[in-house]
Amino acid sequence: MNTLEKERIVTKNVLNLLKENFDVAQTDAEILDFEPQKQSDSNYTGYYESILDIFFIEDEHLDSISGTVKDTIKKVTELWSLSKYSSATWEWQIQ
């Protein structure tokens, strides 16, 4: 699977995570430019931890997935590809 397809899957999952679990009501385009850690009224550490859990990324990478949602998606796509679970996970996402 190519990088663009992987990024599409990560984007879809991250957008759903924010909308369903963190009550983010912005459009998808607004969410992509959103910087969760700068929001003082919410605890977005849970957002980053949830991403690690969904994509089977080790906790040691928590600091490297900060920034805007767009930045997070790109980094998660890289890290998820390196995960020991990544090949099975990609196949599950396609089905």
Protein backbone atom coordinates (compact mmCIF):
# COMPACT_ATOMS: atom_id res chain seq x y z
CA MET A 1 0.00 0.00 0.00
CA ASN A 2 1.39 3.41 -0.90
CA THR A 3 1.97 6.30 1.49
CA LEU A 4 -1.00 8.33 0.23
CA GLU A 5 -3.41 5.48 0.96
CA LYS A 6 -1.91 5.02 4.42
CA GLU A 7 -2.22 8.74 5.08
CA ARG A 8 -5.88 8.65 3.98
CA ILE A 9 -6.59 5.88 6.48
CA VAL A 10 -4.78 7.70 9.29
CA THR A 11 -6.61 10.95 8.47
CA LYS A 12 -10.01 9.25 8.55
CA ASN A 13 -9.28 7.63 11.91
CA VAL A 14 -7.86 10.77 13.52
CA LEU A 15 -10.78 12.94 12.34
CA ASN A 16 -13.26 10.40 13.70
CA LEU A 17 -11.39 10.24 17.00
CA LEU A 18 -11.54 14.01 17.45
CA LYS A 19 -15.19 14.32 16.43
CA GLU A 20 -16.51 11.40 18.46
CA ASN A 21 -14.40 11.54 21.62
CA PHE A 22 -13.39 15.17 22.01
CA ASP A 23 -16.52 17.00 20.78
CA VAL A 24 -14.68 18.86 18.03
CA ALA A 25 -17.34 20.41 15.80
CA GLN A 26 -15.20 22.12 13.15
CA THR A 27 -15.07 21.08 9.52
CA ASP A 28 -12.46 18.54 8.42
CA ALA A 29 -10.33 21.33 6.91
CA GLU A 30 -10.45 23.33 10.15
CA ILE A 31 -9.61 20.24 12.20
CA LEU A 32 -6.51 19.56 10.07
CA ASP A 33 -5.12 23.01 10.98
CA PHE A 34 -6.15 22.61 14.64
CA GLU A 35 -3.36 22.38 17.24
CA PRO A 36 -4.76 20.27 20.11
CA GLN A 37 -2.02 20.99 22.65
CA LYS A 38 -2.71 24.75 22.47
CA GLN A 39 -6.30 24.28 23.64
CA SER A 40 -6.22 25.17 27.32
CA ASP A 41 -9.84 24.26 28.04
CA SER A 42 -9.41 20.55 27.24
CA ASN A 43 -7.00 17.78 28.09
CA TYR A 44 -5.63 16.70 24.72
CA THR A 45 -3.00 14.38 26.13
CA GLY A 46 -5.74 11.77 25.83
CA TYR A 47 -6.03 12.59 22.13
CA TYR A 48 -2.36 11.84 21.51
CA GLU A 49 -2.47 8.72 23.70
CA SER A 50 -5.54 7.48 21.81
CA ILE A 51 -3.68 7.84 18.52
CA LEU A 52 -0.83 5.73 19.88
CA ASP A 53 -3.33 3.06 20.94
CA ILE A 54 -5.24 2.99 17.65
CA PHE A 55 -2.13 2.66 15.51
CA PHE A 56 -0.10 0.40 17.85
CA ILE A 57 2.65 2.99 18.23
CA GLU A 58 4.97 2.70 21.21
CA ASP A 59 4.59 5.29 24.02
CA GLU A 60 8.15 6.50 23.47
CA HIS A 61 6.91 8.33 20.35
CA LEU A 62 4.31 10.44 22.20
CA ASP A 63 6.39 13.63 22.01
CA SER A 64 7.02 13.24 18.28
CA ILE A 65 3.33 13.37 17.29
CA SER A 66 2.63 16.88 18.57
CA GLY A 67 1.72 19.91 16.45
CA THR A 68 -1.24 20.48 14.21
CA VAL A 69 -3.50 17.57 13.34
CA LYS A 70 -1.97 17.64 9.83
CA ASP A 71 1.52 17.27 11.31
CA THR A 72 0.32 14.49 13.59
CA ILE A 73 -1.17 12.57 10.66
CA LYS A 74 2.09 12.69 8.70
CA LYS A 75 4.15 11.55 11.68
CA VAL A 76 1.68 8.79 12.59
CA THR A 77 1.78 7.53 8.99
CA GLU A 78 5.58 7.25 9.28
CA LEU A 79 5.54 5.63 12.71
CA TRP A 80 2.68 3.24 11.92
CA SER A 81 4.60 1.93 8.92
CA LEU A 82 7.47 1.03 11.24
CA SER A 83 5.28 -0.73 13.80
CA LYS A 84 5.65 -4.49 14.14
CA TYR A 85 1.85 -4.70 13.80
CA SER A 86 1.61 -2.50 10.71
CA SER A 87 1.27 -5.10 7.95
CA ALA A 88 -1.66 -6.87 9.58
CA THR A 89 -3.30 -3.58 10.55
CA TRP A 90 -3.18 -2.20 7.01
CA GLU A 91 -4.87 -5.34 5.72
CA TRP A 92 -7.62 -5.06 8.37
CA GLN A 93 -8.28 -1.43 7.46
CA ILE A 94 -8.80 -2.26 3.80
CA GLN A 95 -11.40 -4.97 4.37
